[in-house]
Structures are given as C-alpha cells and as structure tokens.
Amino acid sequence: MPKRSVHVAAAAIYNDQGQVLLARRPSIADQGGLWEFPGGKLEVYETGLEALKRELKEELGIAVERAQPLIRVHYEYPDKFVLLDVWEVRGYTGSPYGREGQAVRWVDIDKLFSYPFPPANVPIIRAVGLPHAYVITDETDDDEAFEAMLSHALQNRGGLLVQLRAKSLEQSHFVERAQKALSLCRAHGARLILNGSAELLEHVDADGIHLTSDDLMAATERPVGPDKWLSASTHNNEQLSKAAQLDCDFVTLSPIRETPSHPGAVTIGWHDFQQMVEFAAMPVYALGGTTLDDIDRARAVGAQGVASIRSFLPDQDDA
C-alpha cells in the first residue's frame, strides 16, 4: 500500500526570556514520550496558519496574534510522509499550559538537543537556534577597516551570525583576525563561523566553519563534530543535496539578484529559490543582492533569513 501523507502545523513559541515551549507526546501516541514543538494535523481545506491557530488554542489555551514562517520539513518515516509546516510565534495572548494533560516546558535554545525528539525535528531545532540575519565580512586587508565594519554590524543589530571571510590573508594573519573577531562577537552575543578548513578551529575556538561550494562537493564526510556548526555555499539543487548528505546545519543559496561584484550573473530569483528551498532539509539563507529589507520576503518563501555583506557596512542604513 502507498504511504499516507500527513501535513502538520507546528510552532516555535518564544517567551520574553528567549526560551521556546516544548510539549511531550502522550505515551500511547506514535513516538510517545518524545518531545516536540506544539501543533497538529491540518483539517480539510485548512491553511497552515489556520491550523496553527486552532491547534495552539486547543492544546495550549493561547491565541496567536503574530506568526511568521520558520521552516518547512519533509520527512519520510517507514509508514508515512510528513510535512512539518513550522511557524515562529512571538505574539500571543494567554499563558500556555497542557490543556489535554500533556507535559509542557520552557527550554533554553542551547539545551534543545539534550531533549529526545522525533528525527524529523532536527532541522527545526537548528532553525530555532539561528538568527534571521547572517553577516559575511567584507574582503579587506585593512585590519582597522575590518574591525570598524564588524563593530558597526554588531552594535546595530543584536544576535547576529557572522562569517569571517578573508581569502587574501595568509593563515597566520587570518588566525589573528579571527581571534579579534571572536572577541568582538562574544562581547555582543554573536556567533562566529570561519570560512575555511576545519583545521582553523585548532587555532580559534569559533562556533563552526563554512565550506565553499567546491569544498562542499569534494567533501566525503562532515568535517566537524556535532558541537560545531557547519555551513556551506550552494547555488543549485545538486549542491543542496550534497549539503544534506554532509549533514550541514545551514547553507547559503545564491545569487538571488545581480550584485556589483557579479554583474550579468545568472540569478535564481525568489520564485525558483522557494522551489529549491522546499526540500532542502535544513535552514537556508538567501544571498546575492539581498539586504536586511528582504528578511520578511525571504522568510515568506522559506528562507531562514538573508546573508549579506553590503548591508552591514558602515555607510549602509541598517533595517
């Protein structure tokens, strides 16, 4: 018999302390005893957002006032196909509690992986732990200009993810810059990803590494452990598939639009971006001609957010 398909709306619900709400599945249910993001199956002719609002009212006693798309996850279990349509909920009325007798708990984001989840939830946990703006540093040999740019970005937008890219620097100079960048990021609650090989983490205790698309396609296994983030540059479906095989935590997908550095380049555009991201199985940042003003648009078509260089330069207006 063909496998059944199940469409589920789920929520990453945040409180004022930045924690997210988890619910425990009843012991008699499928995958009983595991923790999950609250939600439930769509009814006939119901949209994801409509189902989300209904389920959270029924299960938790809250009324959703503001929600944005977070990630869509397609997953195949032995007996079914599941689509998890996940929303970020920060605006609601009421105090959530287990109206159906289920256990619920507010959990710090950095503690989520210590809870047992159904396997389909892994991309959701990663998306919950990532911001919606991803800074890629400008290529410059001038250390003072670099520090001014990074300081400006960190001071004007909190909770950033920063990728240190400096291909022109020799390794010793790169490591020195990375140490300065790490100090700045730690002071502002940001995370630092190094564009380069995993060996760099032996010199700088950054939060992870970023692979170029060439390095991604050449890799045969995940180069860092689960305690470090792994990201990669992708430009097509083949590279997205390889990133999933390598268990990347997130990727950039580009170019969305033409950029001054690549005039006339073949671009993806928002429509094709949405089609590619639908089955990416991980958070994806839109890159290439994107700015902070594009965050809501990018999220509406399935992106985690936007990655940008120019948006964070001191002479640009931050959104």
Protein backbone atom coordinates (compact mmCIF):
# COMPACT_ATOMS: atom_id res chain seq x y z
CA MET A 1 0.00 0.00 0.00
CA PRO A 2 1.22 3.56 -0.68
CA LYS A 3 2.37 5.52 2.33
CA ARG A 4 -0.02 8.09 3.71
CA SER A 5 0.93 11.78 3.77
CA VAL A 6 0.49 13.90 6.88
CA HIS A 7 0.63 17.70 6.89
CA VAL A 8 1.32 19.15 10.33
CA ALA A 9 1.43 22.76 11.51
CA ALA A 10 3.86 23.30 14.39
CA ALA A 11 5.08 26.28 16.39
CA ALA A 12 8.31 27.53 17.87
CA ILE A 13 6.76 29.66 20.63
CA TYR A 14 9.07 32.13 22.38
CA ASN A 15 8.75 33.81 25.77
CA ASP A 16 10.33 37.08 26.87
CA GLN A 17 13.42 35.21 28.12
CA GLY A 18 14.11 33.81 24.65
CA GLN A 19 13.11 30.27 25.61
CA VAL A 20 10.91 28.05 23.43
CA LEU A 21 8.00 25.88 24.50
CA LEU A 22 8.11 22.10 24.11
CA ALA A 23 5.32 19.57 24.62
CA ARG A 24 5.71 15.87 25.37
CA ARG A 25 3.82 13.37 23.23
CA PRO A 26 1.46 11.06 25.18
CA SER A 27 2.95 7.64 25.90
CA ILE A 28 0.21 5.90 23.92
CA ALA A 29 0.75 8.04 20.80
CA ASP A 30 3.07 7.33 17.89
CA GLN A 31 6.61 8.14 19.12
CA GLY A 32 5.13 8.56 22.57
CA GLY A 33 7.25 10.11 25.29
CA LEU A 34 9.31 12.19 22.87
CA TRP A 35 9.28 15.99 22.96
CA GLU A 36 8.02 18.12 20.08
CA PHE A 37 7.11 21.64 19.03
CA PRO A 38 3.37 22.07 19.71
CA GLY A 39 0.91 21.75 16.85
CA GLY A 40 -1.17 19.23 14.97
CA LYS A 41 -2.57 17.98 11.68
CA LEU A 42 -4.30 20.24 9.19
CA GLU A 43 -8.00 19.67 8.67
CA VAL A 44 -9.52 19.58 5.18
CA TYR A 45 -9.24 22.95 3.38
CA GLU A 46 -7.27 24.45 6.29
CA THR A 47 -4.11 26.51 5.71
CA GLY A 48 -1.02 26.01 7.81
CA LEU A 49 -1.59 29.24 9.73
CA GLU A 50 -5.26 28.46 10.32
CA ALA A 51 -4.36 25.04 11.67
CA LEU A 52 -1.62 26.52 13.83
CA LYS A 53 -4.01 28.97 15.48
CA ARG A 54 -6.65 26.30 16.06
CA GLU A 55 -4.21 23.73 17.44
CA LEU A 56 -2.49 26.13 19.82
CA LYS A 57 -5.85 27.27 21.15
CA GLU A 58 -6.99 23.69 21.67
CA GLU A 59 -3.71 22.32 23.05
CA LEU A 60 -2.26 25.27 24.96
CA GLY A 61 -5.06 27.77 25.50
CA ILE A 62 -3.32 30.64 23.72
CA ALA A 63 -4.49 32.89 20.87
CA VAL A 64 -1.85 33.56 18.23
CA GLU A 65 -1.58 37.24 17.29
CA ARG A 66 1.65 37.24 15.30
CA ALA A 67 3.42 34.40 13.50
CA GLN A 68 5.97 34.13 10.69
CA PRO A 69 7.11 31.11 8.67
CA LEU A 70 10.21 29.45 10.10
CA ILE A 71 10.89 26.27 8.10
CA ARG A 72 9.12 23.51 6.19
CA VAL A 73 10.47 19.99 6.70
CA HIS A 74 9.64 16.99 4.50
CA TYR A 75 10.47 13.68 6.17
CA GLU A 76 9.84 10.05 5.28
CA TYR A 77 9.06 7.62 8.08
CA PRO A 78 8.69 3.86 7.48
CA ASP A 79 4.90 4.20 7.38
CA LYS A 80 4.24 7.77 6.19
CA PHE A 81 5.45 11.01 4.64
CA VAL A 82 5.31 14.02 6.95
CA LEU A 83 5.38 17.72 6.09
CA LEU A 84 6.09 19.87 9.13
CA ASP A 85 4.95 23.44 8.44
CA VAL A 86 6.70 25.32 11.24
CA TRP A 87 5.96 28.89 12.35
CA GLU A 88 7.77 31.26 14.69
CA VAL A 89 5.30 32.61 17.25
CA ARG A 90 6.28 35.62 19.33
CA GLY A 91 2.93 37.35 19.70
CA TYR A 92 0.09 35.62 21.55
CA THR A 93 -2.36 36.14 24.41
CA GLY A 94 -2.82 33.77 27.31
CA SER A 95 -0.40 31.61 29.30
CA PRO A 96 0.29 28.27 27.60
CA TYR A 97 -0.43 25.12 29.55
CA GLY A 98 -1.20 21.49 28.69
CA ARG A 99 -4.96 21.67 28.14
CA GLU A 100 -5.04 18.00 27.07
CA GLY A 101 -2.98 16.81 30.03
CA GLN A 102 0.33 16.83 28.15
CA ALA A 103 3.53 17.98 29.81
CA VAL A 104 4.85 21.33 28.54
CA ARG A 105 8.13 23.04 29.35
CA TRP A 106 10.01 26.25 28.52
CA VAL A 107 13.51 25.33 27.38
CA ASP A 108 16.66 27.37 26.68
CA ILE A 109 17.53 27.21 22.98
CA ASP A 110 21.04 25.89 23.63
CA LYS A 111 19.55 22.98 25.62
CA LEU A 112 17.17 21.74 22.90
CA PHE A 113 19.45 19.00 21.59
CA SER A 114 19.52 17.41 25.05
CA TYR A 115 15.83 16.51 24.66
CA PRO A 116 14.66 13.41 22.74
CA PHE A 117 12.75 14.49 19.60
CA PRO A 118 11.33 12.62 16.62
CA PRO A 119 14.03 12.64 13.90
CA ALA A 120 12.04 14.97 11.64
CA ASN A 121 12.52 17.75 14.20
CA VAL A 122 16.30 18.13 13.80
CA PRO A 123 16.10 20.87 11.10
CA ILE A 124 13.58 22.72 13.26
CA ILE A 125 15.94 22.74 16.24
CA ARG A 126 18.65 24.15 14.01
CA ALA A 127 16.34 26.84 12.63
CA VAL A 128 15.23 27.84 16.14
CA GLY A 129 18.88 28.31 17.11
CA LEU A 130 19.75 30.59 14.19
CA PRO A 131 19.09 34.33 13.69
CA HIS A 132 17.48 35.79 10.59
CA ALA A 133 20.48 37.95 9.63
CA TYR A 134 23.83 36.44 8.63
CA VAL A 135 26.81 38.80 8.28
CA ILE A 136 29.51 37.92 5.77
CA THR A 137 32.53 40.10 6.35
CA ASP A 138 33.96 42.26 3.59
CA GLU A 139 37.19 41.21 1.88
CA THR A 140 39.79 43.73 3.04
CA ASP A 141 43.45 43.58 4.03
CA ASP A 142 42.98 46.60 6.32
CA ASP A 143 42.56 45.33 9.89
CA GLU A 144 41.25 48.66 11.19
CA ALA A 145 38.62 48.82 8.44
CA PHE A 146 37.62 45.25 9.20
CA GLU A 147 37.19 45.88 12.92
CA ALA A 148 35.19 49.06 12.22
CA MET A 149 32.85 47.16 9.90
CA LEU A 150 32.31 44.27 12.30
CA SER A 151 31.87 46.54 15.32
CA HIS A 152 29.30 48.60 13.40
CA ALA A 153 27.33 45.49 12.45
CA LEU A 154 27.37 44.03 15.95
CA GLN A 155 26.40 47.30 17.62
CA ASN A 156 23.48 47.95 15.27
CA ARG A 157 21.84 44.53 15.28
CA GLY A 158 21.87 42.00 18.11
CA GLY A 159 22.07 38.22 17.98
CA LEU A 160 23.94 38.03 14.71
CA LEU A 161 25.62 35.14 12.96
CA VAL A 162 28.96 36.23 11.47
CA GLN A 163 31.01 34.54 8.77
CA LEU A 164 34.66 35.62 8.66
CA ARG A 165 35.77 35.55 5.03
CA ALA A 166 39.27 36.77 4.15
CA LYS A 167 40.64 34.67 1.29
CA SER A 168 43.51 37.07 0.58
CA LEU A 169 45.09 36.71 4.02
CA GLU A 170 47.82 34.24 4.87
CA GLN A 171 46.78 31.74 7.55
CA SER A 172 48.70 33.41 10.39
CA HIS A 173 47.07 36.76 9.57
CA PHE A 174 43.66 35.10 9.21
CA VAL A 175 44.01 33.44 12.62
CA GLU A 176 44.98 36.76 14.20
CA ARG A 177 41.94 38.44 12.64
CA ALA A 178 39.71 35.55 13.67
CA GLN A 179 40.79 35.92 17.30
CA LYS A 180 39.85 39.61 17.23
CA ALA A 181 36.56 38.82 15.52
CA LEU A 182 35.78 36.15 18.11
CA SER A 183 36.35 38.61 20.96
CA LEU A 184 34.02 41.13 19.33
CA CYS A 185 31.36 38.51 18.64
CA ARG A 186 31.47 37.15 22.19
CA ALA A 187 31.12 40.68 23.60
CA HIS A 188 27.93 41.17 21.58
CA GLY A 189 26.36 37.72 21.92
CA ALA A 190 27.07 36.80 18.29
CA ARG A 191 28.40 33.54 16.83
CA LEU A 192 31.40 33.32 14.55
CA ILE A 193 31.79 30.96 11.58
CA LEU A 194 35.17 30.72 9.82
CA ASN A 195 35.25 30.46 6.03
CA GLY A 196 37.91 27.79 5.62
CA SER A 197 39.01 24.33 6.70
CA ALA A 198 38.21 22.60 9.97
CA GLU A 199 41.89 22.88 10.94
CA LEU A 200 41.30 26.55 11.68
CA LEU A 201 39.31 25.52 14.74
CA GLU A 202 42.54 24.16 16.24
CA HIS A 203 43.76 27.77 16.44
CA VAL A 204 40.48 29.66 17.04
CA ASP A 205 37.60 28.35 19.15
CA ALA A 206 34.96 29.72 16.79
CA ASP A 207 31.43 28.31 16.57
CA GLY A 208 31.95 26.48 13.27
CA ILE A 209 33.21 26.58 9.70
CA HIS A 210 31.82 27.48 6.29
CA LEU A 211 32.65 25.49 3.17
CA THR A 212 32.85 26.92 -0.32
CA SER A 213 30.71 25.11 -2.88
CA ASP A 214 33.85 23.45 -4.29
CA ASP A 215 34.93 22.23 -0.85
CA LEU A 216 31.39 21.05 -0.17
CA MET A 217 31.29 18.91 -3.31
CA ALA A 218 34.75 17.49 -2.60
CA ALA A 219 33.98 16.51 1.00
CA THR A 220 33.25 12.88 1.82
CA GLU A 221 32.18 13.34 5.44
CA ARG A 222 31.19 16.05 7.87
CA PRO A 223 34.49 17.77 8.80
CA VAL A 224 33.42 18.99 12.27
CA GLY A 225 31.71 17.38 15.23
CA PRO A 226 28.15 18.00 16.43
CA ASP A 227 29.40 20.64 18.87
CA LYS A 228 30.31 22.96 15.97
CA TRP A 229 28.14 24.50 13.25
CA LEU A 230 28.74 23.53 9.63
CA SER A 231 27.54 25.78 6.81
CA ALA A 232 28.23 25.81 3.08
CA SER A 233 27.71 27.86 -0.07
CA THR A 234 25.21 26.39 -2.54
CA HIS A 235 23.99 27.54 -5.94
CA ASN A 236 21.86 24.66 -7.25
CA ASN A 237 19.89 21.57 -6.25
CA GLU A 238 22.88 19.26 -6.57
CA GLN A 239 24.82 21.27 -4.01
CA LEU A 240 21.80 21.47 -1.69
CA SER A 241 21.53 17.68 -1.83
CA LYS A 242 25.22 17.29 -1.05
CA ALA A 243 24.86 19.66 1.91
CA ALA A 244 22.06 17.46 3.26
CA GLN A 245 24.19 14.33 2.79
CA LEU A 246 27.05 16.02 4.65
CA ASP A 247 24.63 16.98 7.45
CA CYS A 248 25.24 20.71 7.14
CA ASP A 249 23.45 22.70 9.82
CA PHE A 250 22.57 25.50 7.37
CA VAL A 251 23.58 26.87 3.98
CA THR A 252 23.51 29.97 1.82
CA LEU A 253 21.81 29.79 -1.58
CA SER A 254 22.83 32.36 -4.19
CA PRO A 255 22.66 34.53 -6.18
CA ILE A 256 19.13 35.83 -5.70
CA ARG A 257 19.83 39.03 -7.65
CA GLU A 258 22.73 40.57 -9.55
CA THR A 259 25.44 42.14 -7.41
CA PRO A 260 28.02 44.84 -8.20
CA SER A 261 30.77 42.21 -7.95
CA HIS A 262 28.99 39.82 -10.36
CA PRO A 263 27.13 41.90 -12.97
CA GLY A 264 25.28 39.86 -15.56
CA ALA A 265 25.38 36.66 -13.49
CA VAL A 266 22.55 34.17 -13.91
CA THR A 267 20.33 34.68 -10.86
CA ILE A 268 17.92 32.37 -9.04
CA GLY A 269 15.15 34.84 -8.21
CA TRP A 270 12.62 34.43 -5.41
CA HIS A 271 10.30 32.02 -7.26
CA ASP A 272 12.99 29.43 -8.02
CA PHE A 273 14.53 30.00 -4.59
CA GLN A 274 11.26 28.94 -2.99
CA GLN A 275 11.08 25.79 -5.12
CA MET A 276 14.65 24.83 -4.22
CA VAL A 277 14.32 25.54 -0.50
CA GLU A 278 11.11 23.49 -0.13
CA PHE A 279 13.04 20.21 0.01
CA ALA A 280 16.38 21.49 1.32
CA ALA A 281 16.04 19.72 4.71
CA MET A 282 17.97 22.48 6.51
CA PRO A 283 17.80 26.25 7.16
CA VAL A 284 18.76 28.27 4.06
CA TYR A 285 19.89 31.90 3.90
CA ALA A 286 19.18 33.92 0.76
CA LEU A 287 22.37 35.53 -0.54
CA GLY A 288 23.36 37.71 -3.50
CA GLY A 289 21.91 41.18 -3.86
CA THR A 290 19.89 40.77 -0.67
CA THR A 291 19.62 43.35 2.10
CA LEU A 292 18.12 43.47 5.58
CA ASP A 293 14.96 44.86 3.98
CA ASP A 294 14.49 41.45 2.32
CA ILE A 295 14.25 39.43 5.54
CA ASP A 296 10.47 39.22 5.68
CA ARG A 297 10.21 38.47 1.96
CA ALA A 298 12.89 35.80 2.22
CA ARG A 299 11.16 34.16 5.17
CA ALA A 300 7.85 34.19 3.32
CA VAL A 301 9.38 31.96 0.62
CA GLY A 302 11.03 29.55 3.04
CA ALA A 303 14.37 31.12 3.91
CA GLN A 304 15.84 31.29 7.39
CA GLY A 305 16.68 34.91 6.56
CA VAL A 306 19.25 36.78 4.49
CA ALA A 307 23.02 36.76 4.31
CA SER A 308 24.71 39.94 3.22
CA ILE A 309 27.98 41.83 3.04
CA ARG A 310 26.98 45.31 1.93
CA SER A 311 24.03 45.67 4.31
CA PHE A 312 26.34 45.68 7.30
CA LEU A 313 28.96 48.13 6.04
CA PRO A 314 29.18 51.41 7.99
CA ASP A 315 27.95 53.51 5.07
CA GLN A 316 24.75 51.47 4.69
CA ASP A 317 21.46 52.01 6.53
CA ASP A 318 20.57 49.10 8.80
CA ALA A 319 16.98 47.85 8.80
